[in-house]
Amino acid sequence: MTQDMQGMNMAVRGGLNGQAPRCDHLDMVPAAEPGLPECEKCLASGLSWERLLVCLTCGWVACSDDSSGGHAQEHYRETDHPVVSALEPETAWRWCYVHGRTV
């Protein structure tokens, strides 16, 4: 048995060759266009960011957890939009806040 970030029980589904279970949240995200390449909340607060993430549900762009603001995670807590991607177009990295892992 595993638990998500809120401590709720989740069914364990095995993947091939020990891979992590598939994240069904990827099936729920539309093809949202990213906003401007800036974190509006950091700009308003005079903060800088390490990396920008884009919400795959609505396109909101915000700073990553390793930035001083952590506004992408704040956006998840406010909206329950589960999956973000790095804003850089050459990367396929995605993070699911519900599962707390890359997907």
PDB file of N, CA and C in Angstrom:
ATOM      1  N   MET A   1       0.854  -1.181   0.000  1.00  0.00           N
ATOM      2  CA  MET A   1       0.000   0.000   0.000  1.00  0.00           C
ATOM      3  C   MET A   1       0.888   1.228   0.000  1.00  0.00           C
ATOM      4  N   THR A   2       0.520   2.247  -0.766  1.00  0.00           N
ATOM      5  CA  THR A   2       1.232   3.519  -0.783  1.00  0.00           C
ATOM      6  C   THR A   2       0.269   4.614  -0.404  1.00  0.00           C
ATOM      7  N   GLN A   3       0.825   5.793  -0.103  1.00  0.00           N
ATOM      8  CA  GLN A   3       0.000   6.931   0.245  1.00  0.00           C
ATOM      9  C   GLN A   3       0.394   8.107  -0.622  1.00  0.00           C
ATOM     10  N   ASP A   4      -0.602   8.956  -0.923  1.00  0.00           N
ATOM     11  CA  ASP A   4      -0.289  10.168  -1.662  1.00  0.00           C
ATOM     12  C   ASP A   4       0.156  11.253  -0.683  1.00  0.00           C
ATOM     13  N   MET A   5       0.347  12.470  -1.169  1.00  0.00           N
ATOM     14  CA  MET A   5       0.873  13.549  -0.332  1.00  0.00           C
ATOM     15  C   MET A   5      -0.067  13.921   0.818  1.00  0.00           C
ATOM     16  N   GLN A   6      -1.340  13.643   0.664  1.00  0.00           N
ATOM     17  CA  GLN A   6      -2.288  13.954   1.726  1.00  0.00           C
ATOM     18  C   GLN A   6      -2.493  12.770   2.677  1.00  0.00           C
ATOM     19  N   GLY A   7      -1.737  11.691   2.501  1.00  0.00           N
ATOM     20  CA  GLY A   7      -1.852  10.539   3.367  1.00  0.00           C
ATOM     21  C   GLY A   7      -2.990   9.604   3.012  1.00  0.00           C
ATOM     22  N   MET A   8      -3.615   9.781   1.851  1.00  0.00           N
ATOM     23  CA  MET A   8      -4.715   8.922   1.437  1.00  0.00           C
ATOM     24  C   MET A   8      -4.154   7.644   0.832  1.00  0.00           C
ATOM     25  N   ASN A   9      -4.816   6.539   1.078  1.00  0.00           N
ATOM     26  CA  ASN A   9      -4.368   5.272   0.509  1.00  0.00           C
ATOM     27  C   ASN A   9      -4.618   5.239  -0.990  1.00  0.00           C
ATOM     28  N   MET A  10      -3.651   4.673  -1.701  1.00  0.00           N
ATOM     29  CA  MET A  10      -3.768   4.542  -3.149  1.00  0.00           C
ATOM     30  C   MET A  10      -3.513   3.089  -3.507  1.00  0.00           C
ATOM     31  N   ALA A  11      -4.199   2.616  -4.504  1.00  0.00           N
ATOM     32  CA  ALA A  11      -3.949   1.259  -4.980  1.00  0.00           C
ATOM     33  C   ALA A  11      -2.588   1.213  -5.653  1.00  0.00           C
ATOM     34  N   VAL A  12      -1.860   0.152  -5.431  1.00  0.00           N
ATOM     35  CA  VAL A  12      -0.553  -0.004  -6.054  1.00  0.00           C
ATOM     36  C   VAL A  12      -0.723  -0.787  -7.331  1.00  0.00           C
ATOM     37  N   ARG A  13      -0.265  -0.199  -8.438  1.00  0.00           N
ATOM     38  CA  ARG A  13      -0.296  -0.867  -9.721  1.00  0.00           C
ATOM     39  C   ARG A  13       1.127  -0.944 -10.211  1.00  0.00           C
ATOM     40  N   GLY A  14       1.609  -2.114 -10.448  1.00  0.00           N
ATOM     41  CA  GLY A  14       2.981  -2.269 -10.886  1.00  0.00           C
ATOM     42  C   GLY A  14       3.178  -1.885 -12.321  1.00  0.00           C
ATOM     43  N   GLY A  15       4.374  -1.414 -12.606  1.00  0.00           N
ATOM     44  CA  GLY A  15       4.758  -1.108 -13.965  1.00  0.00           C
ATOM     45  C   GLY A  15       5.718  -2.177 -14.450  1.00  0.00           C
ATOM     46  N   LEU A  16       6.148  -2.059 -15.685  1.00  0.00           N
ATOM     47  CA  LEU A  16       7.088  -3.003 -16.248  1.00  0.00           C
ATOM     48  C   LEU A  16       8.464  -2.836 -15.630  1.00  0.00           C
ATOM     49  N   ASN A  17       9.135  -3.936 -15.365  1.00  0.00           N
ATOM     50  CA  ASN A  17      10.513  -3.922 -14.894  1.00  0.00           C
ATOM     51  C   ASN A  17      10.732  -3.005 -13.698  1.00  0.00           C
ATOM     52  N   GLY A  18       9.804  -2.986 -12.770  1.00  0.00           N
ATOM     53  CA  GLY A  18       9.945  -2.192 -11.560  1.00  0.00           C
ATOM     54  C   GLY A  18       9.687  -0.710 -11.732  1.00  0.00           C
ATOM     55  N   GLN A  19       9.131  -0.298 -12.842  1.00  0.00           N
ATOM     56  CA  GLN A  19       8.837   1.111 -13.050  1.00  0.00           C
ATOM     57  C   GLN A  19       7.731   1.548 -12.094  1.00  0.00           C
ATOM     58  N   ALA A  20       7.681   2.844 -11.837  1.00  0.00           N
ATOM     59  CA  ALA A  20       6.628   3.396 -10.999  1.00  0.00           C
ATOM     60  C   ALA A  20       5.286   3.239 -11.702  1.00  0.00           C
ATOM     61  N   PRO A  21       4.200   3.154 -10.931  1.00  0.00           N
ATOM     62  CA  PRO A  21       2.872   3.065 -11.554  1.00  0.00           C
ATOM     63  C   PRO A  21       2.605   4.270 -12.448  1.00  0.00           C
ATOM     64  N   ARG A  22       1.811   4.070 -13.465  1.00  0.00           N
ATOM     65  CA  ARG A  22       1.452   5.153 -14.387  1.00  0.00           C
ATOM     66  C   ARG A  22       0.649   6.207 -13.642  1.00  0.00           C
ATOM     67  N   CYS A  23       0.878   7.442 -13.986  1.00  0.00           N
ATOM     68  CA  CYS A  23       0.152   8.554 -13.373  1.00  0.00           C
ATOM     69  C   CYS A  23      -1.056   8.888 -14.253  1.00  0.00           C
ATOM     70  N   ASP A  24      -2.240   8.606 -13.760  1.00  0.00           N
ATOM     71  CA  ASP A  24      -3.467   8.886 -14.517  1.00  0.00           C
ATOM     72  C   ASP A  24      -3.755  10.381 -14.646  1.00  0.00           C
ATOM     73  N   HIS A  25      -3.082  11.210 -13.849  1.00  0.00           N
ATOM     74  CA  HIS A  25      -3.301  12.649 -13.939  1.00  0.00           C
ATOM     75  C   HIS A  25      -2.860  13.198 -15.287  1.00  0.00           C
ATOM     76  N   LEU A  26      -1.934  12.516 -15.946  1.00  0.00           N
ATOM     77  CA  LEU A  26      -1.499  12.958 -17.270  1.00  0.00           C
ATOM     78  C   LEU A  26      -2.635  12.893 -18.280  1.00  0.00           C
ATOM     79  N   ASP A  27      -3.564  11.953 -18.084  1.00  0.00           N
ATOM     80  CA  ASP A  27      -4.699  11.810 -18.997  1.00  0.00           C
ATOM     81  C   ASP A  27      -5.724  12.930 -18.821  1.00  0.00           C
ATOM     82  N   MET A  28      -5.664  13.636 -17.694  1.00  0.00           N
ATOM     83  CA  MET A  28      -6.667  14.650 -17.377  1.00  0.00           C
ATOM     84  C   MET A  28      -6.236  16.055 -17.769  1.00  0.00           C
ATOM     85  N   VAL A  29      -4.984  16.243 -18.197  1.00  0.00           N
ATOM     86  CA  VAL A  29      -4.532  17.599 -18.501  1.00  0.00           C
ATOM     87  C   VAL A  29      -4.753  17.923 -19.976  1.00  0.00           C
ATOM     88  N   PRO A  30      -5.362  19.070 -20.243  1.00  0.00           N
ATOM     89  CA  PRO A  30      -5.535  19.487 -21.635  1.00  0.00           C
ATOM     90  C   PRO A  30      -4.211  20.007 -22.182  1.00  0.00           C
ATOM     91  N   ALA A  31      -4.174  20.343 -23.414  1.00  0.00           N
ATOM     92  CA  ALA A  31      -2.972  20.914 -24.032  1.00  0.00           C
ATOM     93  C   ALA A  31      -3.004  22.424 -23.823  1.00  0.00           C
ATOM     94  N   ALA A  32      -2.617  22.872 -22.628  1.00  0.00           N
ATOM     95  CA  ALA A  32      -2.647  24.295 -22.298  1.00  0.00           C
ATOM     96  C   ALA A  32      -1.410  24.992 -22.840  1.00  0.00           C
ATOM     97  N   GLU A  33      -1.594  26.175 -23.364  1.00  0.00           N
ATOM     98  CA  GLU A  33      -0.479  26.992 -23.835  1.00  0.00           C
ATOM     99  C   GLU A  33       0.128  27.718 -22.637  1.00  0.00           C
ATOM    100  N   PRO A  34       1.453  27.695 -22.508  1.00  0.00           N
ATOM    101  CA  PRO A  34       2.078  28.383 -21.370  1.00  0.00           C
ATOM    102  C   PRO A  34       1.943  29.892 -21.471  1.00  0.00           C
ATOM    103  N   GLY A  35       1.901  30.516 -20.305  1.00  0.00           N
ATOM    104  CA  GLY A  35       1.860  31.967 -20.248  1.00  0.00           C
ATOM    105  C   GLY A  35       3.241  32.553 -20.507  1.00  0.00           C
ATOM    106  N   LEU A  36       3.434  33.790 -20.123  1.00  0.00           N
ATOM    107  CA  LEU A  36       4.716  34.462 -20.305  1.00  0.00           C
ATOM    108  C   LEU A  36       5.803  33.758 -19.493  1.00  0.00           C
ATOM    109  N   PRO A  37       7.045  33.785 -19.957  1.00  0.00           N
ATOM    110  CA  PRO A  37       8.132  33.093 -19.252  1.00  0.00           C
ATOM    111  C   PRO A  37       8.637  33.894 -18.054  1.00  0.00           C
ATOM    112  N   GLU A  38       7.775  34.024 -17.065  1.00  0.00           N
ATOM    113  CA  GLU A  38       8.106  34.752 -15.840  1.00  0.00           C
ATOM    114  C   GLU A  38       7.178  34.309 -14.730  1.00  0.00           C
ATOM    115  N   CYS A  39       7.636  34.463 -13.506  1.00  0.00           N
ATOM    116  CA  CYS A  39       6.780  34.184 -12.350  1.00  0.00           C
ATOM    117  C   CYS A  39       6.221  35.521 -11.868  1.00  0.00           C
ATOM    118  N   GLU A  40       4.947  35.742 -12.122  1.00  0.00           N
ATOM    119  CA  GLU A  40       4.317  37.017 -11.778  1.00  0.00           C
ATOM    120  C   GLU A  40       4.416  37.313 -10.286  1.00  0.00           C
ATOM    121  N   LYS A  41       4.261  36.282  -9.451  1.00  0.00           N
ATOM    122  CA  LYS A  41       4.300  36.499  -8.001  1.00  0.00           C
ATOM    123  C   LYS A  41       5.704  36.869  -7.535  1.00  0.00           C
ATOM    124  N   CYS A  42       6.728  36.281  -8.144  1.00  0.00           N
ATOM    125  CA  CYS A  42       8.109  36.665  -7.812  1.00  0.00           C
ATOM    126  C   CYS A  42       8.379  38.104  -8.236  1.00  0.00           C
ATOM    127  N   LEU A  43       7.937  38.463  -9.428  1.00  0.00           N
ATOM    128  CA  LEU A  43       8.142  39.828  -9.905  1.00  0.00           C
ATOM    129  C   LEU A  43       7.463  40.832  -8.978  1.00  0.00           C
ATOM    130  N   ALA A  44       6.261  40.524  -8.528  1.00  0.00           N
ATOM    131  CA  ALA A  44       5.530  41.422  -7.632  1.00  0.00           C
ATOM    132  C   ALA A  44       6.201  41.536  -6.268  1.00  0.00           C
ATOM    133  N   SER A  45       6.905  40.474  -5.847  1.00  0.00           N
ATOM    134  CA  SER A  45       7.550  40.457  -4.531  1.00  0.00           C
ATOM    135  C   SER A  45       9.026  40.830  -4.585  1.00  0.00           C
ATOM    136  N   GLY A  46       9.555  41.046  -5.786  1.00  0.00           N
ATOM    137  CA  GLY A  46      10.973  41.365  -5.929  1.00  0.00           C
ATOM    138  C   GLY A  46      11.880  40.169  -5.735  1.00  0.00           C
ATOM    139  N   LEU A  47      11.366  38.958  -5.949  1.00  0.00           N
ATOM    140  CA  LEU A  47      12.155  37.739  -5.801  1.00  0.00           C
ATOM    141  C   LEU A  47      12.677  37.281  -7.159  1.00  0.00           C
ATOM    142  N   SER A  48      13.693  36.453  -7.140  1.00  0.00           N
ATOM    143  CA  SER A  48      14.174  35.832  -8.371  1.00  0.00           C
ATOM    144  C   SER A  48      13.843  34.351  -8.315  1.00  0.00           C
ATOM    145  N   TRP A  49      13.974  33.671  -9.440  1.00  0.00           N
ATOM    146  CA  TRP A  49      13.642  32.251  -9.481  1.00  0.00           C
ATOM    147  C   TRP A  49      14.804  31.459 -10.050  1.00  0.00           C
ATOM    148  N   GLU A  50      14.829  30.163  -9.701  1.00  0.00           N
ATOM    149  CA  GLU A  50      15.829  29.233 -10.216  1.00  0.00           C
ATOM    150  C   GLU A  50      15.382  28.654 -11.556  1.00  0.00           C
ATOM    151  N   ARG A  51      14.132  28.238 -11.583  1.00  0.00           N
ATOM    152  CA  ARG A  51      13.579  27.570 -12.765  1.00  0.00           C
ATOM    153  C   ARG A  51      12.094  27.864 -12.817  1.00  0.00           C
ATOM    154  N   LEU A  52      11.547  27.905 -14.025  1.00  0.00           N
ATOM    155  CA  LEU A  52      10.122  28.141 -14.201  1.00  0.00           C
ATOM    156  C   LEU A  52       9.424  26.850 -14.602  1.00  0.00           C
ATOM    157  N   LEU A  53       8.223  26.672 -14.067  1.00  0.00           N
ATOM    158  CA  LEU A  53       7.386  25.516 -14.377  1.00  0.00           C
ATOM    159  C   LEU A  53       6.077  26.019 -14.961  1.00  0.00           C
ATOM    160  N   VAL A  54       5.479  25.192 -15.806  1.00  0.00           N
ATOM    161  CA  VAL A  54       4.190  25.547 -16.389  1.00  0.00           C
ATOM    162  C   VAL A  54       3.159  24.500 -15.969  1.00  0.00           C
ATOM    163  N   CYS A  55       2.003  24.968 -15.535  1.00  0.00           N
ATOM    164  CA  CYS A  55       0.897  24.089 -15.176  1.00  0.00           C
ATOM    165  C   CYS A  55       0.321  23.521 -16.470  1.00  0.00           C
ATOM    166  N   LEU A  56       0.247  22.210 -16.565  1.00  0.00           N
ATOM    167  CA  LEU A  56      -0.258  21.585 -17.786  1.00  0.00           C
ATOM    168  C   LEU A  56      -1.780  21.636 -17.897  1.00  0.00           C
ATOM    169  N   THR A  57      -2.458  22.033 -16.821  1.00  0.00           N
ATOM    170  CA  THR A  57      -3.911  22.170 -16.871  1.00  0.00           C
ATOM    171  C   THR A  57      -4.328  23.524 -17.429  1.00  0.00           C
ATOM    172  N   CYS A  58      -3.679  24.594 -16.958  1.00  0.00           N
ATOM    173  CA  CYS A  58      -4.135  25.932 -17.339  1.00  0.00           C
ATOM    174  C   CYS A  58      -3.065  26.812 -17.988  1.00  0.00           C
ATOM    175  N   GLY A  59      -1.802  26.385 -17.984  1.00  0.00           N
ATOM    176  CA  GLY A  59      -0.747  27.166 -18.602  1.00  0.00           C
ATOM    177  C   GLY A  59      -0.086  28.189 -17.686  1.00  0.00           C
ATOM    178  N   TRP A  60      -0.498  28.261 -16.420  1.00  0.00           N
ATOM    179  CA  TRP A  60       0.086  29.218 -15.477  1.00  0.00           C
ATOM    180  C   TRP A  60       1.580  28.933 -15.320  1.00  0.00           C
ATOM    181  N   VAL A  61       2.402  29.959 -15.402  1.00  0.00           N
ATOM    182  CA  VAL A  61       3.846  29.830 -15.241  1.00  0.00           C
ATOM    183  C   VAL A  61       4.234  30.368 -13.871  1.00  0.00           C
ATOM    184  N   ALA A  62       5.017  29.597 -13.136  1.00  0.00           N
ATOM    185  CA  ALA A  62       5.440  29.998 -11.799  1.00  0.00           C
ATOM    186  C   ALA A  62       6.798  29.378 -11.484  1.00  0.00           C
ATOM    187  N   CYS A  63       7.426  29.883 -10.437  1.00  0.00           N
ATOM    188  CA  CYS A  63       8.752  29.403 -10.059  1.00  0.00           C
ATOM    189  C   CYS A  63       8.671  28.018  -9.407  1.00  0.00           C
ATOM    190  N   SER A  64       9.764  27.290  -9.518  1.00  0.00           N
ATOM    191  CA  SER A  64       9.843  25.919  -9.006  1.00  0.00           C
ATOM    192  C   SER A  64      10.040  25.905  -7.487  1.00  0.00           C
ATOM    193  N   ASP A  65       9.973  24.708  -6.917  1.00  0.00           N
ATOM    194  CA  ASP A  65      10.139  24.548  -5.472  1.00  0.00           C
ATOM    195  C   ASP A  65      11.532  24.929  -5.005  1.00  0.00           C
ATOM    196  N   ASP A  66      12.542  24.828  -5.874  1.00  0.00           N
ATOM    197  CA  ASP A  66      13.891  25.203  -5.469  1.00  0.00           C
ATOM    198  C   ASP A  66      14.127  26.710  -5.574  1.00  0.00           C
ATOM    199  N   SER A  67      13.128  27.458  -5.961  1.00  0.00           N
ATOM    200  CA  SER A  67      13.187  28.917  -5.949  1.00  0.00           C
ATOM    201  C   SER A  67      12.675  29.410  -4.602  1.00  0.00           C
ATOM    202  N   SER A  68      13.004  30.644  -4.260  1.00  0.00           N
ATOM    203  CA  SER A  68      12.609  31.152  -2.942  1.00  0.00           C
ATOM    204  C   SER A  68      11.097  31.263  -2.774  1.00  0.00           C
ATOM    205  N   GLY A  69      10.362  31.478  -3.868  1.00  0.00           N
ATOM    206  CA  GLY A  69       8.913  31.619  -3.756  1.00  0.00           C
ATOM    207  C   GLY A  69       8.147  30.308  -3.753  1.00  0.00           C
ATOM    208  N   GLY A  70       8.581  29.328  -4.530  1.00  0.00           N
ATOM    209  CA  GLY A  70       7.857  28.062  -4.626  1.00  0.00           C
ATOM    210  C   GLY A  70       6.430  28.240  -5.105  1.00  0.00           C
ATOM    211  N   HIS A  71       6.223  29.146  -6.041  1.00  0.00           N
ATOM    212  CA  HIS A  71       4.865  29.499  -6.441  1.00  0.00           C
ATOM    213  C   HIS A  71       4.154  28.451  -7.293  1.00  0.00           C
ATOM    214  N   ALA A  72       4.877  27.552  -7.945  1.00  0.00           N
ATOM    215  CA  ALA A  72       4.204  26.489  -8.701  1.00  0.00           C
ATOM    216  C   ALA A  72       3.464  25.558  -7.746  1.00  0.00           C
ATOM    217  N   GLN A  73       4.105  25.211  -6.640  1.00  0.00           N
ATOM    218  CA  GLN A  73       3.435  24.361  -5.657  1.00  0.00           C
ATOM    219  C   GLN A  73       2.271  25.098  -4.997  1.00  0.00           C
ATOM    220  N   GLU A  74       2.435  26.370  -4.771  1.00  0.00           N
ATOM    221  CA  GLU A  74       1.336  27.178  -4.227  1.00  0.00           C
ATOM    222  C   GLU A  74       0.139  27.149  -5.184  1.00  0.00           C
ATOM    223  N   HIS A  75       0.417  27.238  -6.487  1.00  0.00           N
ATOM    224  CA  HIS A  75      -0.645  27.166  -7.499  1.00  0.00           C
ATOM    225  C   HIS A  75      -1.365  25.813  -7.414  1.00  0.00           C
ATOM    226  N   TYR A  76      -0.609  24.734  -7.245  1.00  0.00           N
ATOM    227  CA  TYR A  76      -1.233  23.408  -7.086  1.00  0.00           C
ATOM    228  C   TYR A  76      -2.146  23.385  -5.863  1.00  0.00           C
ATOM    229  N   ARG A  77      -1.669  23.897  -4.723  1.00  0.00           N
ATOM    230  CA  ARG A  77      -2.477  23.875  -3.495  1.00  0.00           C
ATOM    231  C   ARG A  77      -3.758  24.690  -3.659  1.00  0.00           C
ATOM    232  N   GLU A  78      -3.691  25.770  -4.442  1.00  0.00           N
ATOM    233  CA  GLU A  78      -4.870  26.624  -4.641  1.00  0.00           C
ATOM    234  C   GLU A  78      -5.858  26.040  -5.650  1.00  0.00           C
ATOM    235  N   THR A  79      -5.371  25.297  -6.645  1.00  0.00           N
ATOM    236  CA  THR A  79      -6.221  24.890  -7.765  1.00  0.00           C
ATOM    237  C   THR A  79      -6.429  23.388  -7.902  1.00  0.00           C
ATOM    238  N   ASP A  80      -5.583  22.587  -7.281  1.00  0.00           N
ATOM    239  CA  ASP A  80      -5.572  21.128  -7.464  1.00  0.00           C
ATOM    240  C   ASP A  80      -5.200  20.723  -8.882  1.00  0.00           C
ATOM    241  N   HIS A  81      -4.539  21.584  -9.638  1.00  0.00           N
ATOM    242  CA  HIS A  81      -4.023  21.203 -10.950  1.00  0.00           C
ATOM    243  C   HIS A  81      -2.772  20.359 -10.699  1.00  0.00           C
ATOM    244  N   PRO A  82      -2.793  19.079 -11.051  1.00  0.00           N
ATOM    245  CA  PRO A  82      -1.798  18.140 -10.531  1.00  0.00           C
ATOM    246  C   PRO A  82      -0.423  18.108 -11.197  1.00  0.00           C
ATOM    247  N   VAL A  83      -0.304  18.434 -12.490  1.00  0.00           N
ATOM    248  CA  VAL A  83       0.950  18.163 -13.197  1.00  0.00           C
ATOM    249  C   VAL A  83       1.547  19.446 -13.773  1.00  0.00           C
ATOM    250  N   VAL A  84       2.856  19.607 -13.550  1.00  0.00           N
ATOM    251  CA  VAL A  84       3.600  20.717 -14.132  1.00  0.00           C
ATOM    252  C   VAL A  84       4.723  20.163 -14.994  1.00  0.00           C
ATOM    253  N   SER A  85       5.238  21.015 -15.849  1.00  0.00           N
ATOM    254  CA  SER A  85       6.366  20.675 -16.707  1.00  0.00           C
ATOM    255  C   SER A  85       7.377  21.805 -16.619  1.00  0.00           C
ATOM    256  N   ALA A  86       8.638  21.487 -16.889  1.00  0.00           N
ATOM    257  CA  ALA A  86       9.631  22.548 -17.000  1.00  0.00           C
ATOM    258  C   ALA A  86       9.259  23.409 -18.197  1.00  0.00           C
ATOM    259  N   LEU A  87       9.480  24.690 -18.095  1.00  0.00           N
ATOM    260  CA  LEU A  87       9.088  25.592 -19.171  1.00  0.00           C
ATOM    261  C   LEU A  87       9.987  25.457 -20.395  1.00  0.00           C
ATOM    262  N   GLU A  88      11.222  24.988 -20.204  1.00  0.00           N
ATOM    263  CA  GLU A  88      12.129  24.840 -21.331  1.00  0.00           C
ATOM    264  C   GLU A  88      11.545  23.857 -22.342  1.00  0.00           C
ATOM    265  N   PRO A  89      11.464  24.237 -23.614  1.00  0.00           N
ATOM    266  CA  PRO A  89      10.823  23.379 -24.617  1.00  0.00           C
ATOM    267  C   PRO A  89      11.587  22.089 -24.906  1.00  0.00           C
ATOM    268  N   GLU A  90      12.876  22.047 -24.643  1.00  0.00           N
ATOM    269  CA  GLU A  90      13.665  20.858 -24.975  1.00  0.00           C
ATOM    270  C   GLU A  90      13.599  19.769 -23.912  1.00  0.00           C
ATOM    271  N   THR A  91      12.880  19.975 -22.839  1.00  0.00           N
ATOM    272  CA  THR A  91      12.812  18.965 -21.791  1.00  0.00           C
ATOM    273  C   THR A  91      11.449  18.283 -21.760  1.00  0.00           C
ATOM    274  N   ALA A  92      11.451  17.015 -21.396  1.00  0.00           N
ATOM    275  CA  ALA A  92      10.213  16.246 -21.258  1.00  0.00           C
ATOM    276  C   ALA A  92       9.875  16.016 -19.782  1.00  0.00           C
ATOM    277  N   TRP A  93      10.615  16.654 -18.866  1.00  0.00           N
ATOM    278  CA  TRP A  93      10.396  16.475 -17.433  1.00  0.00           C
ATOM    279  C   TRP A  93       9.024  16.985 -17.026  1.00  0.00           C
ATOM    280  N   ARG A  94       8.308  16.163 -16.253  1.00  0.00           N
ATOM    281  CA  ARG A  94       7.001  16.544 -15.704  1.00  0.00           C
ATOM    282  C   ARG A  94       6.926  16.055 -14.264  1.00  0.00           C
ATOM    283  N   TRP A  95       6.202  16.772 -13.438  1.00  0.00           N
ATOM    284  CA  TRP A  95       6.074  16.449 -12.019  1.00  0.00           C
ATOM    285  C   TRP A  95       4.599  16.403 -11.653  1.00  0.00           C
ATOM    286  N   CYS A  96       4.206  15.347 -10.949  1.00  0.00           N
ATOM    287  CA  CYS A  96       2.838  15.233 -10.436  1.00  0.00           C
ATOM    288  C   CYS A  96       2.868  15.549  -8.945  1.00  0.00           C
ATOM    289  N   TYR A  97       2.194  16.614  -8.537  1.00  0.00           N
ATOM    290  CA  TYR A  97       2.146  16.986  -7.123  1.00  0.00           C
ATOM    291  C   TYR A  97       1.349  15.983  -6.306  1.00  0.00           C
ATOM    292  N   VAL A  98       0.354  15.362  -6.883  1.00  0.00           N
ATOM    293  CA  VAL A  98      -0.454  14.383  -6.147  1.00  0.00           C
ATOM    294  C   VAL A  98       0.398  13.179  -5.756  1.00  0.00           C
ATOM    295  N   HIS A  99       1.154  12.646  -6.719  1.00  0.00           N
ATOM    296  CA  HIS A  99       1.992  11.476  -6.450  1.00  0.00           C
ATOM    297  C   HIS A  99       3.346  11.849  -5.869  1.00  0.00           C
ATOM    298  N   GLY A 100       3.756  13.103  -5.989  1.00  0.00           N
ATOM    299  CA  GLY A 100       5.035  13.539  -5.463  1.00  0.00           C
ATOM    300  C   GLY A 100       6.220  12.930  -6.186  1.00  0.00           C
ATOM    301  N   ARG A 101       6.112  12.824  -7.523  1.00  0.00           N
ATOM    302  CA  ARG A 101       7.194  12.213  -8.291  1.00  0.00           C
ATOM    303  C   ARG A 101       7.139  12.666  -9.746  1.00  0.00           C
ATOM    304  N   THR A 102       8.251  12.420 -10.456  1.00  0.00           N
ATOM    305  CA  THR A 102       8.260  12.711 -11.878  1.00  0.00           C
ATOM    306  C   THR A 102       7.393  11.702 -12.608  1.00  0.00           C
ATOM    307  N   VAL A 103       6.810  12.162 -13.691  1.00  0.00           N
ATOM    308  CA  VAL A 103       5.935  11.286 -14.483  1.00  0.00           C
ATOM    309  C   VAL A 103       6.247  11.427 -15.957  1.00  0.00           C
TER     310      VAL A 103
END
